[in-house]
Amino acid sequence: VDAVHADREQHPANGVPPECTLGAACAAAPALARSLALVCHHGLHGLLMQWAFSEASERLQQRAVPRFWEQYRQLVRSQASVSADDRGAVKAAQRRGVRALLDAASE
């Protein structure tokens, strides 16, 4: 427990630097490496993976999906207001929609 607190003092948000690989996270937070080793030793990695996928799915449902549909509604509105000859504006709106979805999914 003290090791986790010491690691979190270095990286207060969650014990590891943001946008970090698993190897780098384990190097930065030895308590994380020990915890993962313990999970694997007891054969609980499947449970950990289920939790990770569940969390990712929940975050997508809460953040990415609503943002995607908002961008989609904006795209439909922009298509309705653009003449049939102005395909460049429609394509730009489509790119913005895809970019917004990717941005939302990466959070």
C-alpha atoms as a PDB file:
ATOM      1  CA  VAL A   1       0.000   0.000   0.000  1.00  0.00           C
ATOM      2  CA  ASP A   2       2.821   2.411   0.820  1.00  0.00           C
ATOM      3  CA  ALA A   3       4.450   1.679  -2.546  1.00  0.00           C
ATOM      4  CA  VAL A   4       1.216   2.568  -4.345  1.00  0.00           C
ATOM      5  CA  HIS A   5       0.990   5.845  -2.421  1.00  0.00           C
ATOM      6  CA  ALA A   6       4.616   6.629  -3.244  1.00  0.00           C
ATOM      7  CA  ASP A   7       3.981   5.917  -6.935  1.00  0.00           C
ATOM      8  CA  ARG A   8       0.892   8.123  -6.909  1.00  0.00           C
ATOM      9  CA  GLU A   9       2.823  10.997  -5.393  1.00  0.00           C
ATOM     10  CA  GLN A  10       4.995  10.902  -8.494  1.00  0.00           C
ATOM     11  CA  HIS A  11       1.976  10.608 -10.850  1.00  0.00           C
ATOM     12  CA  PRO A  12      -1.066  11.706  -8.830  1.00  0.00           C
ATOM     13  CA  ALA A  13      -3.853  11.015 -11.362  1.00  0.00           C
ATOM     14  CA  ASN A  14      -3.665   7.220 -11.435  1.00  0.00           C
ATOM     15  CA  GLY A  15      -0.138   6.237 -10.558  1.00  0.00           C
ATOM     16  CA  VAL A  16       1.288   6.363 -14.089  1.00  0.00           C
ATOM     17  CA  PRO A  17       2.047   9.067 -16.625  1.00  0.00           C
ATOM     18  CA  PRO A  18      -0.707   9.802 -19.157  1.00  0.00           C
ATOM     19  CA  GLU A  19      -0.552   8.105 -22.575  1.00  0.00           C
ATOM     20  CA  CYS A  20       1.940   5.540 -21.372  1.00  0.00           C
ATOM     21  CA  THR A  21       2.576   2.003 -22.633  1.00  0.00           C
ATOM     22  CA  LEU A  22       2.023  -0.854 -20.220  1.00  0.00           C
ATOM     23  CA  GLY A  23       5.761  -1.524 -20.018  1.00  0.00           C
ATOM     24  CA  ALA A  24       6.494   2.123 -19.265  1.00  0.00           C
ATOM     25  CA  ALA A  25       3.629   2.233 -16.768  1.00  0.00           C
ATOM     26  CA  CYS A  26       5.034  -0.784 -14.934  1.00  0.00           C
ATOM     27  CA  ALA A  27       8.507   0.763 -14.952  1.00  0.00           C
ATOM     28  CA  ALA A  28       7.103   4.033 -13.571  1.00  0.00           C
ATOM     29  CA  ALA A  29       4.897   2.336 -10.984  1.00  0.00           C
ATOM     30  CA  PRO A  30       6.496  -0.790  -9.481  1.00  0.00           C
ATOM     31  CA  ALA A  31       3.361  -1.399  -7.425  1.00  0.00           C
ATOM     32  CA  LEU A  32       1.405  -1.721 -10.672  1.00  0.00           C
ATOM     33  CA  ALA A  33       3.883  -4.302 -11.967  1.00  0.00           C
ATOM     34  CA  ARG A  34       3.595  -6.285  -8.723  1.00  0.00           C
ATOM     35  CA  SER A  35      -0.197  -6.120  -8.837  1.00  0.00           C
ATOM     36  CA  LEU A  36      -0.315  -7.337 -12.433  1.00  0.00           C
ATOM     37  CA  ALA A  37       2.087 -10.160 -11.624  1.00  0.00           C
ATOM     38  CA  LEU A  38      -0.157 -11.187  -8.739  1.00  0.00           C
ATOM     39  CA  VAL A  39      -3.240 -11.144 -10.992  1.00  0.00           C
ATOM     40  CA  CYS A  40      -1.472 -13.363 -13.536  1.00  0.00           C
ATOM     41  CA  HIS A  41      -0.078 -15.681 -10.836  1.00  0.00           C
ATOM     42  CA  HIS A  42      -3.593 -16.389  -9.576  1.00  0.00           C
ATOM     43  CA  GLY A  43      -4.995 -16.861 -13.088  1.00  0.00           C
ATOM     44  CA  LEU A  44      -7.210 -13.806 -12.870  1.00  0.00           C
ATOM     45  CA  HIS A  45      -6.088 -12.184 -16.127  1.00  0.00           C
ATOM     46  CA  GLY A  46      -9.337 -13.244 -17.832  1.00  0.00           C
ATOM     47  CA  LEU A  47     -11.316 -11.410 -15.180  1.00  0.00           C
ATOM     48  CA  LEU A  48      -9.088  -8.365 -15.601  1.00  0.00           C
ATOM     49  CA  MET A  49      -9.661  -8.417 -19.364  1.00  0.00           C
ATOM     50  CA  GLN A  50     -13.432  -8.694 -18.884  1.00  0.00           C
ATOM     51  CA  TRP A  51     -13.311  -5.666 -16.602  1.00  0.00           C
ATOM     52  CA  ALA A  52     -11.176  -3.698 -19.086  1.00  0.00           C
ATOM     53  CA  PHE A  53     -13.532  -4.429 -21.980  1.00  0.00           C
ATOM     54  CA  SER A  54     -16.532  -3.599 -19.826  1.00  0.00           C
ATOM     55  CA  GLU A  55     -14.982  -0.261 -18.830  1.00  0.00           C
ATOM     56  CA  ALA A  56     -14.070   0.551 -22.438  1.00  0.00           C
ATOM     57  CA  SER A  57     -17.573  -0.316 -23.618  1.00  0.00           C
ATOM     58  CA  GLU A  58     -19.134   1.840 -20.917  1.00  0.00           C
ATOM     59  CA  ARG A  59     -16.907   4.792 -21.800  1.00  0.00           C
ATOM     60  CA  LEU A  60     -17.763   4.433 -25.474  1.00  0.00           C
ATOM     61  CA  GLN A  61     -21.466   4.381 -24.633  1.00  0.00           C
ATOM     62  CA  GLN A  62     -21.198   7.400 -22.356  1.00  0.00           C
ATOM     63  CA  ARG A  63     -18.873   9.566 -24.461  1.00  0.00           C
ATOM     64  CA  ALA A  64     -18.130   8.449 -27.992  1.00  0.00           C
ATOM     65  CA  VAL A  65     -21.570   7.290 -29.095  1.00  0.00           C
ATOM     66  CA  PRO A  66     -23.423  10.479 -28.085  1.00  0.00           C
ATOM     67  CA  ARG A  67     -20.722  12.621 -29.686  1.00  0.00           C
ATOM     68  CA  PHE A  68     -20.870  10.542 -32.850  1.00  0.00           C
ATOM     69  CA  TRP A  69     -24.638  10.967 -33.165  1.00  0.00           C
ATOM     70  CA  GLU A  70     -24.394  14.707 -32.499  1.00  0.00           C
ATOM     71  CA  GLN A  71     -21.809  14.999 -35.280  1.00  0.00           C
ATOM     72  CA  TYR A  72     -24.001  12.859 -37.506  1.00  0.00           C
ATOM     73  CA  ARG A  73     -26.991  15.173 -36.905  1.00  0.00           C
ATOM     74  CA  GLN A  74     -24.814  18.154 -37.777  1.00  0.00           C
ATOM     75  CA  LEU A  75     -23.681  16.378 -40.934  1.00  0.00           C
ATOM     76  CA  VAL A  76     -27.272  15.703 -41.997  1.00  0.00           C
ATOM     77  CA  ARG A  77     -28.202  19.346 -41.342  1.00  0.00           C
ATOM     78  CA  SER A  78     -25.186  20.555 -43.326  1.00  0.00           C
ATOM     79  CA  GLN A  79     -26.048  18.277 -46.256  1.00  0.00           C
ATOM     80  CA  ALA A  80     -29.599  19.608 -46.320  1.00  0.00           C
ATOM     81  CA  SER A  81     -28.359  23.191 -46.496  1.00  0.00           C
ATOM     82  CA  VAL A  82     -25.712  22.591 -49.195  1.00  0.00           C
ATOM     83  CA  SER A  83     -26.528  22.552 -52.884  1.00  0.00           C
ATOM     84  CA  ALA A  84     -26.060  19.300 -54.761  1.00  0.00           C
ATOM     85  CA  ASP A  85     -23.145  20.852 -56.666  1.00  0.00           C
ATOM     86  CA  ASP A  86     -21.116  21.665 -53.541  1.00  0.00           C
ATOM     87  CA  ARG A  87     -19.744  18.201 -52.735  1.00  0.00           C
ATOM     88  CA  GLY A  88     -16.564  19.657 -51.185  1.00  0.00           C
ATOM     89  CA  ALA A  89     -18.505  21.060 -48.226  1.00  0.00           C
ATOM     90  CA  VAL A  90     -20.265  17.741 -47.698  1.00  0.00           C
ATOM     91  CA  LYS A  91     -16.990  15.819 -47.766  1.00  0.00           C
ATOM     92  CA  ALA A  92     -15.451  18.289 -45.307  1.00  0.00           C
ATOM     93  CA  ALA A  93     -18.405  17.779 -42.968  1.00  0.00           C
ATOM     94  CA  GLN A  94     -17.994  14.017 -43.255  1.00  0.00           C
ATOM     95  CA  ARG A  95     -14.303  14.300 -42.363  1.00  0.00           C
ATOM     96  CA  ARG A  96     -15.205  16.437 -39.330  1.00  0.00           C
ATOM     97  CA  GLY A  97     -17.698  13.775 -38.237  1.00  0.00           C
ATOM     98  CA  VAL A  98     -15.142  10.975 -38.525  1.00  0.00           C
ATOM     99  CA  ARG A  99     -12.521  13.088 -36.738  1.00  0.00           C
ATOM    100  CA  ALA A 100     -14.971  13.846 -33.905  1.00  0.00           C
ATOM    101  CA  LEU A 101     -15.763  10.145 -33.531  1.00  0.00           C
ATOM    102  CA  LEU A 102     -12.090   9.220 -33.399  1.00  0.00           C
ATOM    103  CA  ASP A 103     -11.380  12.012 -30.902  1.00  0.00           C
ATOM    104  CA  ALA A 104     -14.259  10.915 -28.683  1.00  0.00           C
ATOM    105  CA  ALA A 105     -13.217   7.268 -28.843  1.00  0.00           C
ATOM    106  CA  SER A 106      -9.628   8.073 -27.915  1.00  0.00           C
ATOM    107  CA  GLU A 107     -10.590   9.766 -24.627  1.00  0.00           C
END
